[in-house]
C-alpha atoms as a PDB file:
ATOM      1  CA  MET A   1       0.026  -0.128   0.049  1.00  0.00           C
ATOM      2  CA  SER A   2       1.375   3.352  -0.795  1.00  0.00           C
ATOM      3  CA  ASP A   3       1.926   6.173   1.768  1.00  0.00           C
ATOM      4  CA  LYS A   4      -1.078   8.022   0.370  1.00  0.00           C
ATOM      5  CA  GLY A   5      -3.110   5.131   1.027  1.00  0.00           C
ATOM      6  CA  LYS A   6      -2.356   5.031   4.532  1.00  0.00           C
ATOM      7  CA  ARG A   7      -5.166   6.675   6.574  1.00  0.00           C
ATOM      8  CA  GLY A   8      -4.134   9.479   8.915  1.00  0.00           C
ATOM      9  CA  VAL A   9      -0.495   9.599   8.191  1.00  0.00           C
ATOM     10  CA  PHE A  10       1.751  12.159   6.411  1.00  0.00           C
ATOM     11  CA  THR A  11       5.403  12.337   5.705  1.00  0.00           C
ATOM     12  CA  LEU A  12       7.980  15.081   6.620  1.00  0.00           C
ATOM     13  CA  ALA A  13      11.213  14.955   4.448  1.00  0.00           C
ATOM     14  CA  PHE A  14      14.412  16.825   5.281  1.00  0.00           C
ATOM     15  CA  ARG A  15      17.645  16.152   3.112  1.00  0.00           C
ATOM     16  CA  GLU A  16      17.883  12.288   3.051  1.00  0.00           C
ATOM     17  CA  LYS A  17      15.671  11.824   6.165  1.00  0.00           C
ATOM     18  CA  ARG A  18      11.969  10.978   6.207  1.00  0.00           C
ATOM     19  CA  TRP A  19       9.563  10.891   9.166  1.00  0.00           C
ATOM     20  CA  LYS A  20       5.876   9.612   9.324  1.00  0.00           C
ATOM     21  CA  PHE A  21       3.466  11.440  11.582  1.00  0.00           C
ATOM     22  CA  ARG A  22      -0.310  11.579  12.304  1.00  0.00           C
ATOM     23  CA  ALA A  23      -1.939  14.126  10.255  1.00  0.00           C
ATOM     24  CA  GLY A  24      -4.006  16.918  11.973  1.00  0.00           C
ATOM     25  CA  MET A  25      -0.717  18.589  13.608  1.00  0.00           C
ATOM     26  CA  THR A  26       1.015  21.625  12.517  1.00  0.00           C
ATOM     27  CA  VAL A  27       4.006  21.371  10.386  1.00  0.00           C
ATOM     28  CA  ARG A  28       5.867  23.198  13.378  1.00  0.00           C
ATOM     29  CA  ASP A  29       4.702  20.521  15.817  1.00  0.00           C
ATOM     30  CA  ALA A  30       6.108  17.982  13.247  1.00  0.00           C
ATOM     31  CA  MET A  31       9.283  19.792  12.966  1.00  0.00           C
ATOM     32  CA  VAL A  32       9.832  20.063  16.732  1.00  0.00           C
ATOM     33  CA  LYS A  33       9.048  16.259  17.094  1.00  0.00           C
ATOM     34  CA  ALA A  34      11.647  15.461  14.395  1.00  0.00           C
ATOM     35  CA  GLY A  35      14.090  17.633  16.197  1.00  0.00           C
ATOM     36  CA  ILE A  36      14.490  20.232  13.499  1.00  0.00           C
ATOM     37  CA  SER A  37      14.681  23.889  14.287  1.00  0.00           C
ATOM     38  CA  PRO A  38      11.877  25.582  12.437  1.00  0.00           C
ATOM     39  CA  GLU A  39      13.851  28.739  12.148  1.00  0.00           C
ATOM     40  CA  GLY A  40      16.091  27.249   9.823  1.00  0.00           C
ATOM     41  CA  VAL A  41      13.853  25.621   7.263  1.00  0.00           C
ATOM     42  CA  LEU A  42      10.876  26.439   4.955  1.00  0.00           C
ATOM     43  CA  PRO A  43       8.201  23.873   4.413  1.00  0.00           C
ATOM     44  CA  VAL A  44       7.113  23.099   1.088  1.00  0.00           C
ATOM     45  CA  ARG A  45       3.706  21.002  -0.102  1.00  0.00           C
ATOM     46  CA  ASP A  46       3.021  20.293  -3.653  1.00  0.00           C
ATOM     47  CA  GLY A  47       5.847  22.625  -4.779  1.00  0.00           C
ATOM     48  CA  LYS A  48       4.411  25.633  -2.764  1.00  0.00           C
ATOM     49  CA  LEU A  49       5.711  27.172   0.015  1.00  0.00           C
ATOM     50  CA  ILE A  50       3.311  26.974   3.255  1.00  0.00           C
ATOM     51  CA  THR A  51       3.378  28.368   6.643  1.00  0.00           C
ATOM     52  CA  ASP A  52       4.519  26.498   9.662  1.00  0.00           C
ATOM     53  CA  ASP A  53       1.109  26.812  11.041  1.00  0.00           C
ATOM     54  CA  THR A  54      -0.521  24.910   8.532  1.00  0.00           C
ATOM     55  CA  ILE A  55      -2.423  21.642   9.651  1.00  0.00           C
ATOM     56  CA  VAL A  56      -1.046  18.813   7.826  1.00  0.00           C
ATOM     57  CA  SER A  57      -3.658  16.558   6.106  1.00  0.00           C
ATOM     58  CA  PRO A  58      -3.422  12.719   5.565  1.00  0.00           C
ATOM     59  CA  GLY A  59      -1.229  11.660   2.573  1.00  0.00           C
ATOM     60  CA  ASP A  60       0.338  15.082   2.441  1.00  0.00           C
ATOM     61  CA  GLU A  61       4.402  15.176   1.881  1.00  0.00           C
ATOM     62  CA  ILE A  62       5.852  18.251   3.524  1.00  0.00           C
ATOM     63  CA  ARG A  63       9.529  18.899   2.228  1.00  0.00           C
ATOM     64  CA  LEU A  64      11.928  20.975   4.219  1.00  0.00           C
ATOM     65  CA  VAL A  65      14.268  23.281   2.439  1.00  0.00           C
ATOM     66  CA  SER A  66      17.187  24.772   4.302  1.00  0.00           C
ATOM     67  CA  VAL A  67      17.312  28.516   4.760  1.00  0.00           C
ATOM     68  CA  ILE A  68      20.351  30.090   3.497  1.00  0.00           C
ATOM     69  CA  SER A  69      21.170  33.596   4.208  1.00  0.00           C
ATOM     70  CA  GLY A  70      24.247  35.812   3.373  1.00  0.00           C
ATOM     71  CA  GLY A  71      25.318  39.167   2.600  1.00  0.00           C
END
């Protein structure tokens, strides 16, 4: 069965790592549970930037992109 077929689960992906969490939490809560600093990444769903207070739905895949700053 594919990940999208699993009821109530979404995937959080950062670099080469992936985590599975129950849907219904915010992206920020998932990042904290995975041990990722919310200040250092930007969440993306379906190629679009989302906010970290977005509630995640079953079957979603949230990709985290590192924030790069410089001057």
